[in-house]
Amino acid sequence: MIAPYQAPCRYERQRTASQRWSVLRPLGHAEFAATPHSVATVRAWARHLLYARITDAALDDVVLLLSEVVTNSVVHSDSGHTPTGSVTVCLGLGGNMVHAEVIDDGSATSLPFVRATDLDSDGGRGLLLVEAMATAWGTHHDPEAGTAVWFRLPSHETNSPNEAGNAGTPGSSSN
Protein backbone atom coordinates (compact mmCIF):
# COMPACT_ATOMS: atom_id res chain seq x y z
CA MET A 1 0.00 0.00 0.00
CA ILE A 2 1.34 3.43 -0.92
CA ALA A 3 1.03 6.12 1.70
CA PRO A 4 -0.95 9.18 0.59
CA TYR A 5 1.09 12.22 -0.40
CA GLN A 6 1.62 14.60 2.46
CA ALA A 7 2.79 18.11 1.56
CA PRO A 8 5.96 19.16 3.37
CA CYS A 9 5.44 21.44 6.34
CA ARG A 10 6.29 25.12 6.17
CA TYR A 11 9.62 24.45 7.95
CA GLU A 12 10.71 21.83 5.41
CA ARG A 13 9.83 24.09 2.47
CA GLN A 14 11.82 27.01 3.94
CA ARG A 15 14.72 24.73 4.84
CA THR A 16 15.05 23.29 1.35
CA ALA A 17 14.62 26.71 -0.27
CA SER A 18 17.59 28.31 1.50
CA GLN A 19 21.24 27.79 2.26
CA ARG A 20 20.79 28.98 5.86
CA TRP A 21 20.55 25.41 7.13
CA SER A 22 23.45 23.94 5.14
CA VAL A 23 25.93 24.01 8.06
CA LEU A 24 23.42 23.58 10.87
CA ARG A 25 22.23 20.63 12.90
CA PRO A 26 18.47 21.11 13.30
CA LEU A 27 17.40 20.64 16.91
CA GLY A 28 13.67 20.99 16.48
CA HIS A 29 10.78 22.89 15.06
CA ALA A 30 7.26 23.42 16.32
CA GLU A 31 4.13 25.21 15.24
CA PHE A 32 2.34 27.59 17.60
CA ALA A 33 -0.92 29.51 17.39
CA ALA A 34 -0.32 33.10 16.28
CA THR A 35 -1.61 34.59 19.53
CA PRO A 36 0.06 36.75 22.18
CA HIS A 37 -0.17 33.83 24.64
CA SER A 38 2.08 31.75 22.38
CA VAL A 39 5.07 34.03 22.96
CA ALA A 40 5.53 32.60 26.48
CA THR A 41 4.99 29.08 25.15
CA VAL A 42 7.73 29.60 22.53
CA ARG A 43 10.11 30.86 25.23
CA ALA A 44 9.49 27.75 27.37
CA TRP A 45 9.87 25.42 24.35
CA ALA A 46 13.17 27.08 23.32
CA ARG A 47 14.55 26.93 26.87
CA HIS A 48 13.68 23.24 27.07
CA LEU A 49 15.25 22.44 23.71
CA LEU A 50 18.45 24.46 24.24
CA TYR A 51 18.98 23.82 27.98
CA ALA A 52 22.49 22.49 28.68
CA ARG A 53 23.42 22.79 24.99
CA ILE A 54 24.48 26.45 25.17
CA THR A 55 25.50 28.75 28.01
CA ASP A 56 22.87 30.41 30.16
CA ALA A 57 23.82 33.83 28.78
CA ALA A 58 23.43 32.65 25.18
CA LEU A 59 20.12 30.99 26.07
CA ASP A 60 18.80 34.22 27.59
CA ASP A 61 19.74 36.14 24.42
CA VAL A 62 18.08 33.57 22.14
CA VAL A 63 14.90 33.59 24.20
CA LEU A 64 14.78 37.41 24.25
CA LEU A 65 15.17 37.70 20.49
CA LEU A 66 12.71 34.86 19.85
CA SER A 67 10.16 36.71 21.99
CA GLU A 68 10.61 39.81 19.86
CA VAL A 69 10.39 38.01 16.52
CA VAL A 70 7.39 35.88 17.49
CA THR A 71 5.62 38.98 18.83
CA ASN A 72 6.28 40.68 15.47
CA SER A 73 4.76 37.68 13.67
CA VAL A 74 1.66 37.80 15.84
CA VAL A 75 1.22 41.57 15.51
CA HIS A 76 2.32 42.28 11.94
CA SER A 77 1.86 39.15 9.81
CA ASP A 78 -1.26 37.71 8.27
CA SER A 79 -0.81 34.76 10.68
CA GLY A 80 -1.84 36.94 13.59
CA HIS A 81 -4.93 38.24 11.80
CA THR A 82 -6.67 34.95 11.08
CA PRO A 83 -8.32 32.61 13.61
CA THR A 84 -6.26 29.61 12.46
CA GLY A 85 -3.00 31.54 11.95
CA SER A 86 0.21 29.98 13.18
CA VAL A 87 3.92 30.59 13.46
CA THR A 88 6.59 27.93 13.10
CA VAL A 89 9.74 28.22 15.20
CA CYS A 90 12.93 26.37 14.24
CA LEU A 91 16.17 26.03 16.21
CA GLY A 92 19.53 24.67 15.14
CA LEU A 93 23.20 24.64 16.11
CA GLY A 94 26.33 24.72 13.99
CA GLY A 95 29.58 26.56 13.49
CA ASN A 96 29.52 27.71 17.12
CA MET A 97 26.25 29.49 16.40
CA VAL A 98 22.65 29.00 17.44
CA HIS A 99 20.20 29.64 14.62
CA ALA A 100 16.59 30.60 15.26
CA GLU A 101 13.94 31.05 12.63
CA VAL A 102 10.32 32.15 12.86
CA ILE A 103 8.10 31.44 9.87
CA ASP A 104 4.66 33.00 9.44
CA ASP A 105 2.13 33.69 6.69
CA GLY A 106 3.82 36.96 5.79
CA SER A 107 2.03 40.20 5.13
CA ALA A 108 0.29 41.41 2.03
CA THR A 109 1.64 44.90 2.60
CA SER A 110 5.29 44.61 3.69
CA LEU A 111 8.32 42.54 4.61
CA PRO A 112 9.84 42.75 8.11
CA PHE A 113 12.25 45.66 8.54
CA VAL A 114 13.85 47.71 11.32
CA ARG A 115 11.53 50.62 12.04
CA ALA A 116 12.42 54.08 13.27
CA THR A 117 10.77 54.56 16.67
CA ASP A 118 9.99 57.50 18.87
CA LEU A 119 11.61 57.59 22.29
CA ASP A 120 8.12 57.61 23.85
CA SER A 121 6.87 54.64 21.84
CA ASP A 122 5.95 51.45 23.72
CA GLY A 123 6.88 49.18 20.81
CA GLY A 124 8.71 48.98 17.54
CA ARG A 125 12.10 47.90 18.84
CA GLY A 126 11.99 44.14 18.21
CA LEU A 127 14.05 43.99 15.04
CA LEU A 128 16.24 46.81 16.34
CA LEU A 129 17.21 44.47 19.20
CA VAL A 130 17.77 41.63 16.74
CA GLU A 131 19.99 43.86 14.60
CA ALA A 132 21.97 45.02 17.65
CA MET A 133 22.46 41.61 19.29
CA ALA A 134 22.59 39.02 16.50
CA THR A 135 25.76 38.26 14.57
CA ALA A 136 23.58 37.84 11.48
CA TRP A 137 19.89 38.09 10.69
CA GLY A 138 17.61 38.36 7.73
CA THR A 139 14.30 37.61 6.13
CA HIS A 140 13.21 35.30 3.36
CA HIS A 141 9.83 35.14 1.66
CA ASP A 142 8.60 32.07 -0.15
CA PRO A 143 5.11 32.26 -1.69
CA GLU A 144 4.23 28.76 -0.46
CA ALA A 145 6.13 28.58 2.84
CA GLY A 146 5.59 32.13 4.07
CA THR A 147 8.00 34.67 5.49
CA ALA A 148 10.93 33.65 7.67
CA VAL A 149 12.81 35.96 10.00
CA TRP A 150 16.01 34.32 11.19
CA PHE A 151 18.94 35.25 13.39
CA ARG A 152 22.17 33.76 14.64
CA LEU A 153 23.97 34.25 17.92
CA PRO A 154 27.17 32.75 19.29
CA SER A 155 26.13 29.51 20.94
CA HIS A 156 28.97 29.03 23.40
CA GLU A 157 27.94 25.37 23.19
CA THR A 158 28.42 23.31 26.31
CA ASN A 159 30.09 19.90 26.20
CA SER A 160 27.21 18.11 27.88
CA PRO A 161 24.05 18.33 25.82
CA ASN A 162 20.98 17.44 27.81
CA GLU A 163 19.48 14.35 26.22
CA ALA A 164 16.11 15.43 27.55
CA GLY A 165 16.53 18.43 25.26
CA ASN A 166 16.07 16.05 22.33
CA ALA A 167 12.60 15.12 23.48
CA GLY A 168 9.99 17.32 21.90
CA THR A 169 7.14 18.90 23.74
CA PRO A 170 3.58 18.06 22.79
CA GLY A 171 2.87 19.29 19.29
CA SER A 172 6.54 19.63 18.37
CA SER A 173 8.86 17.79 16.07
CA SER A 174 12.52 17.25 16.88
CA ASN A 175 13.97 16.99 13.41
C-alpha atoms as a PDB file:
ATOM      1  CA  MET A   1       0.000   0.000   0.000  1.00  0.00           C
ATOM      2  CA  ILE A   2       1.340   3.429  -0.915  1.00  0.00           C
ATOM      3  CA  ALA A   3       1.032   6.123   1.700  1.00  0.00           C
ATOM      4  CA  PRO A   4      -0.951   9.182   0.590  1.00  0.00           C
ATOM      5  CA  TYR A   5       1.092  12.219  -0.400  1.00  0.00           C
ATOM      6  CA  GLN A   6       1.617  14.602   2.459  1.00  0.00           C
ATOM      7  CA  ALA A   7       2.786  18.106   1.563  1.00  0.00           C
ATOM      8  CA  PRO A   8       5.963  19.165   3.368  1.00  0.00           C
ATOM      9  CA  CYS A   9       5.436  21.436   6.341  1.00  0.00           C
ATOM     10  CA  ARG A  10       6.294  25.119   6.174  1.00  0.00           C
ATOM     11  CA  TYR A  11       9.615  24.450   7.950  1.00  0.00           C
ATOM     12  CA  GLU A  12      10.708  21.830   5.406  1.00  0.00           C
ATOM     13  CA  ARG A  13       9.827  24.094   2.473  1.00  0.00           C
ATOM     14  CA  GLN A  14      11.821  27.012   3.939  1.00  0.00           C
ATOM     15  CA  ARG A  15      14.719  24.731   4.844  1.00  0.00           C
ATOM     16  CA  THR A  16      15.055  23.288   1.346  1.00  0.00           C
ATOM     17  CA  ALA A  17      14.623  26.715  -0.268  1.00  0.00           C
ATOM     18  CA  SER A  18      17.588  28.310   1.502  1.00  0.00           C
ATOM     19  CA  GLN A  19      21.237  27.792   2.261  1.00  0.00           C
ATOM     20  CA  ARG A  20      20.795  28.985   5.855  1.00  0.00           C
ATOM     21  CA  TRP A  21      20.545  25.408   7.126  1.00  0.00           C
ATOM     22  CA  SER A  22      23.445  23.938   5.136  1.00  0.00           C
ATOM     23  CA  VAL A  23      25.932  24.013   8.055  1.00  0.00           C
ATOM     24  CA  LEU A  24      23.422  23.578  10.872  1.00  0.00           C
ATOM     25  CA  ARG A  25      22.229  20.634  12.899  1.00  0.00           C
ATOM     26  CA  PRO A  26      18.470  21.105  13.297  1.00  0.00           C
ATOM     27  CA  LEU A  27      17.397  20.637  16.912  1.00  0.00           C
ATOM     28  CA  GLY A  28      13.674  20.987  16.475  1.00  0.00           C
ATOM     29  CA  HIS A  29      10.778  22.886  15.064  1.00  0.00           C
ATOM     30  CA  ALA A  30       7.260  23.422  16.315  1.00  0.00           C
ATOM     31  CA  GLU A  31       4.134  25.205  15.236  1.00  0.00           C
ATOM     32  CA  PHE A  32       2.342  27.587  17.597  1.00  0.00           C
ATOM     33  CA  ALA A  33      -0.924  29.509  17.386  1.00  0.00           C
ATOM     34  CA  ALA A  34      -0.318  33.096  16.275  1.00  0.00           C
ATOM     35  CA  THR A  35      -1.606  34.591  19.527  1.00  0.00           C
ATOM     36  CA  PRO A  36       0.059  36.755  22.179  1.00  0.00           C
ATOM     37  CA  HIS A  37      -0.172  33.832  24.640  1.00  0.00           C
ATOM     38  CA  SER A  38       2.083  31.752  22.382  1.00  0.00           C
ATOM     39  CA  VAL A  39       5.074  34.030  22.963  1.00  0.00           C
ATOM     40  CA  ALA A  40       5.528  32.603  26.479  1.00  0.00           C
ATOM     41  CA  THR A  41       4.988  29.079  25.149  1.00  0.00           C
ATOM     42  CA  VAL A  42       7.725  29.601  22.534  1.00  0.00           C
ATOM     43  CA  ARG A  43      10.108  30.856  25.233  1.00  0.00           C
ATOM     44  CA  ALA A  44       9.491  27.747  27.370  1.00  0.00           C
ATOM     45  CA  TRP A  45       9.872  25.425  24.354  1.00  0.00           C
ATOM     46  CA  ALA A  46      13.167  27.076  23.323  1.00  0.00           C
ATOM     47  CA  ARG A  47      14.548  26.933  26.873  1.00  0.00           C
ATOM     48  CA  HIS A  48      13.676  23.242  27.074  1.00  0.00           C
ATOM     49  CA  LEU A  49      15.247  22.444  23.713  1.00  0.00           C
ATOM     50  CA  LEU A  50      18.453  24.458  24.243  1.00  0.00           C
ATOM     51  CA  TYR A  51      18.976  23.821  27.975  1.00  0.00           C
ATOM     52  CA  ALA A  52      22.494  22.488  28.683  1.00  0.00           C
ATOM     53  CA  ARG A  53      23.422  22.793  24.993  1.00  0.00           C
ATOM     54  CA  ILE A  54      24.476  26.452  25.169  1.00  0.00           C
ATOM     55  CA  THR A  55      25.498  28.752  28.005  1.00  0.00           C
ATOM     56  CA  ASP A  56      22.868  30.409  30.156  1.00  0.00           C
ATOM     57  CA  ALA A  57      23.825  33.832  28.782  1.00  0.00           C
ATOM     58  CA  ALA A  58      23.431  32.655  25.176  1.00  0.00           C
ATOM     59  CA  LEU A  59      20.124  30.991  26.071  1.00  0.00           C
ATOM     60  CA  ASP A  60      18.802  34.221  27.589  1.00  0.00           C
ATOM     61  CA  ASP A  61      19.744  36.136  24.424  1.00  0.00           C
ATOM     62  CA  VAL A  62      18.083  33.568  22.142  1.00  0.00           C
ATOM     63  CA  VAL A  63      14.896  33.590  24.205  1.00  0.00           C
ATOM     64  CA  LEU A  64      14.776  37.409  24.254  1.00  0.00           C
ATOM     65  CA  LEU A  65      15.170  37.696  20.488  1.00  0.00           C
ATOM     66  CA  LEU A  66      12.705  34.857  19.846  1.00  0.00           C
ATOM     67  CA  SER A  67      10.164  36.714  21.992  1.00  0.00           C
ATOM     68  CA  GLU A  68      10.608  39.811  19.861  1.00  0.00           C
ATOM     69  CA  VAL A  69      10.391  38.013  16.520  1.00  0.00           C
ATOM     70  CA  VAL A  70       7.387  35.879  17.490  1.00  0.00           C
ATOM     71  CA  THR A  71       5.625  38.982  18.826  1.00  0.00           C
ATOM     72  CA  ASN A  72       6.283  40.677  15.472  1.00  0.00           C
ATOM     73  CA  SER A  73       4.756  37.685  13.673  1.00  0.00           C
ATOM     74  CA  VAL A  74       1.656  37.803  15.837  1.00  0.00           C
ATOM     75  CA  VAL A  75       1.216  41.570  15.510  1.00  0.00           C
ATOM     76  CA  HIS A  76       2.324  42.284  11.943  1.00  0.00           C
ATOM     77  CA  SER A  77       1.862  39.152   9.814  1.00  0.00           C
ATOM     78  CA  ASP A  78      -1.259  37.710   8.275  1.00  0.00           C
ATOM     79  CA  SER A  79      -0.812  34.758  10.678  1.00  0.00           C
ATOM     80  CA  GLY A  80      -1.841  36.945  13.591  1.00  0.00           C
ATOM     81  CA  HIS A  81      -4.927  38.244  11.804  1.00  0.00           C
ATOM     82  CA  THR A  82      -6.673  34.951  11.077  1.00  0.00           C
ATOM     83  CA  PRO A  83      -8.318  32.613  13.612  1.00  0.00           C
ATOM     84  CA  THR A  84      -6.256  29.614  12.463  1.00  0.00           C
ATOM     85  CA  GLY A  85      -3.004  31.538  11.948  1.00  0.00           C
ATOM     86  CA  SER A  86       0.206  29.982  13.179  1.00  0.00           C
ATOM     87  CA  VAL A  87       3.923  30.590  13.457  1.00  0.00           C
ATOM     88  CA  THR A  88       6.590  27.934  13.102  1.00  0.00           C
ATOM     89  CA  VAL A  89       9.742  28.223  15.197  1.00  0.00           C
ATOM     90  CA  CYS A  90      12.927  26.365  14.236  1.00  0.00           C
ATOM     91  CA  LEU A  91      16.166  26.029  16.205  1.00  0.00           C
ATOM     92  CA  GLY A  92      19.535  24.667  15.136  1.00  0.00           C
ATOM     93  CA  LEU A  93      23.199  24.640  16.113  1.00  0.00           C
ATOM     94  CA  GLY A  94      26.330  24.719  13.985  1.00  0.00           C
ATOM     95  CA  GLY A  95      29.578  26.564  13.486  1.00  0.00           C
ATOM     96  CA  ASN A  96      29.520  27.707  17.124  1.00  0.00           C
ATOM     97  CA  MET A  97      26.254  29.489  16.402  1.00  0.00           C
ATOM     98  CA  VAL A  98      22.652  29.004  17.440  1.00  0.00           C
ATOM     99  CA  HIS A  99      20.204  29.643  14.620  1.00  0.00           C
ATOM    100  CA  ALA A 100      16.590  30.598  15.262  1.00  0.00           C
ATOM    101  CA  GLU A 101      13.945  31.050  12.631  1.00  0.00           C
ATOM    102  CA  VAL A 102      10.319  32.149  12.860  1.00  0.00           C
ATOM    103  CA  ILE A 103       8.095  31.439   9.870  1.00  0.00           C
ATOM    104  CA  ASP A 104       4.661  32.996   9.441  1.00  0.00           C
ATOM    105  CA  ASP A 105       2.134  33.685   6.690  1.00  0.00           C
ATOM    106  CA  GLY A 106       3.821  36.964   5.790  1.00  0.00           C
ATOM    107  CA  SER A 107       2.029  40.204   5.134  1.00  0.00           C
ATOM    108  CA  ALA A 108       0.287  41.406   2.033  1.00  0.00           C
ATOM    109  CA  THR A 109       1.645  44.904   2.599  1.00  0.00           C
ATOM    110  CA  SER A 110       5.289  44.609   3.691  1.00  0.00           C
ATOM    111  CA  LEU A 111       8.315  42.538   4.612  1.00  0.00           C
ATOM    112  CA  PRO A 112       9.844  42.755   8.106  1.00  0.00           C
ATOM    113  CA  PHE A 113      12.254  45.656   8.543  1.00  0.00           C
ATOM    114  CA  VAL A 114      13.849  47.712  11.319  1.00  0.00           C
ATOM    115  CA  ARG A 115      11.530  50.624  12.042  1.00  0.00           C
ATOM    116  CA  ALA A 116      12.424  54.080  13.274  1.00  0.00           C
ATOM    117  CA  THR A 117      10.768  54.559  16.668  1.00  0.00           C
ATOM    118  CA  ASP A 118       9.988  57.503  18.875  1.00  0.00           C
ATOM    119  CA  LEU A 119      11.608  57.593  22.292  1.00  0.00           C
ATOM    120  CA  ASP A 120       8.123  57.610  23.855  1.00  0.00           C
ATOM    121  CA  SER A 121       6.867  54.639  21.839  1.00  0.00           C
ATOM    122  CA  ASP A 122       5.950  51.449  23.715  1.00  0.00           C
ATOM    123  CA  GLY A 123       6.880  49.180  20.809  1.00  0.00           C
ATOM    124  CA  GLY A 124       8.709  48.978  17.537  1.00  0.00           C
ATOM    125  CA  ARG A 125      12.099  47.902  18.836  1.00  0.00           C
ATOM    126  CA  GLY A 126      11.988  44.138  18.212  1.00  0.00           C
ATOM    127  CA  LEU A 127      14.052  43.989  15.036  1.00  0.00           C
ATOM    128  CA  LEU A 128      16.237  46.813  16.336  1.00  0.00           C
ATOM    129  CA  LEU A 129      17.208  44.474  19.204  1.00  0.00           C
ATOM    130  CA  VAL A 130      17.767  41.628  16.743  1.00  0.00           C
ATOM    131  CA  GLU A 131      19.987  43.861  14.602  1.00  0.00           C
ATOM    132  CA  ALA A 132      21.972  45.020  17.647  1.00  0.00           C
ATOM    133  CA  MET A 133      22.462  41.613  19.290  1.00  0.00           C
ATOM    134  CA  ALA A 134      22.587  39.017  16.498  1.00  0.00           C
ATOM    135  CA  THR A 135      25.760  38.261  14.574  1.00  0.00           C
ATOM    136  CA  ALA A 136      23.579  37.844  11.475  1.00  0.00           C
ATOM    137  CA  TRP A 137      19.890  38.092  10.688  1.00  0.00           C
ATOM    138  CA  GLY A 138      17.611  38.364   7.727  1.00  0.00           C
ATOM    139  CA  THR A 139      14.300  37.611   6.129  1.00  0.00           C
ATOM    140  CA  HIS A 140      13.208  35.303   3.361  1.00  0.00           C
ATOM    141  CA  HIS A 141       9.830  35.139   1.664  1.00  0.00           C
ATOM    142  CA  ASP A 142       8.598  32.071  -0.152  1.00  0.00           C
ATOM    143  CA  PRO A 143       5.111  32.264  -1.687  1.00  0.00           C
ATOM    144  CA  GLU A 144       4.231  28.763  -0.456  1.00  0.00           C
ATOM    145  CA  ALA A 145       6.131  28.579   2.844  1.00  0.00           C
ATOM    146  CA  GLY A 146       5.595  32.132   4.070  1.00  0.00           C
ATOM    147  CA  THR A 147       8.000  34.670   5.493  1.00  0.00           C
ATOM    148  CA  ALA A 148      10.930  33.649   7.668  1.00  0.00           C
ATOM    149  CA  VAL A 149      12.814  35.957   9.997  1.00  0.00           C
ATOM    150  CA  TRP A 150      16.014  34.317  11.186  1.00  0.00           C
ATOM    151  CA  PHE A 151      18.940  35.249  13.388  1.00  0.00           C
ATOM    152  CA  ARG A 152      22.171  33.759  14.639  1.00  0.00           C
ATOM    153  CA  LEU A 153      23.966  34.251  17.918  1.00  0.00           C
ATOM    154  CA  PRO A 154      27.171  32.749  19.291  1.00  0.00           C
ATOM    155  CA  SER A 155      26.134  29.508  20.937  1.00  0.00           C
ATOM    156  CA  HIS A 156      28.973  29.032  23.396  1.00  0.00           C
ATOM    157  CA  GLU A 157      27.941  25.371  23.194  1.00  0.00           C
ATOM    158  CA  THR A 158      28.421  23.311  26.313  1.00  0.00           C
ATOM    159  CA  ASN A 159      30.092  19.903  26.204  1.00  0.00           C
ATOM    160  CA  SER A 160      27.211  18.110  27.880  1.00  0.00           C
ATOM    161  CA  PRO A 161      24.046  18.330  25.816  1.00  0.00           C
ATOM    162  CA  ASN A 162      20.980  17.435  27.812  1.00  0.00           C
ATOM    163  CA  GLU A 163      19.482  14.351  26.221  1.00  0.00           C
ATOM    164  CA  ALA A 164      16.111  15.432  27.554  1.00  0.00           C
ATOM    165  CA  GLY A 165      16.528  18.431  25.259  1.00  0.00           C
ATOM    166  CA  ASN A 166      16.070  16.047  22.330  1.00  0.00           C
ATOM    167  CA  ALA A 167      12.603  15.120  23.483  1.00  0.00           C
ATOM    168  CA  GLY A 168       9.989  17.315  21.900  1.00  0.00           C
ATOM    169  CA  THR A 169       7.143  18.904  23.740  1.00  0.00           C
ATOM    170  CA  PRO A 170       3.580  18.064  22.789  1.00  0.00           C
ATOM    171  CA  GLY A 171       2.868  19.292  19.289  1.00  0.00           C
ATOM    172  CA  SER A 172       6.538  19.629  18.366  1.00  0.00           C
ATOM    173  CA  SER A 173       8.863  17.789  16.065  1.00  0.00           C
ATOM    174  CA  SER A 174      12.518  17.247  16.880  1.00  0.00           C
ATOM    175  CA  ASN A 175      13.973  16.989  13.410  1.00  0.00           C
END
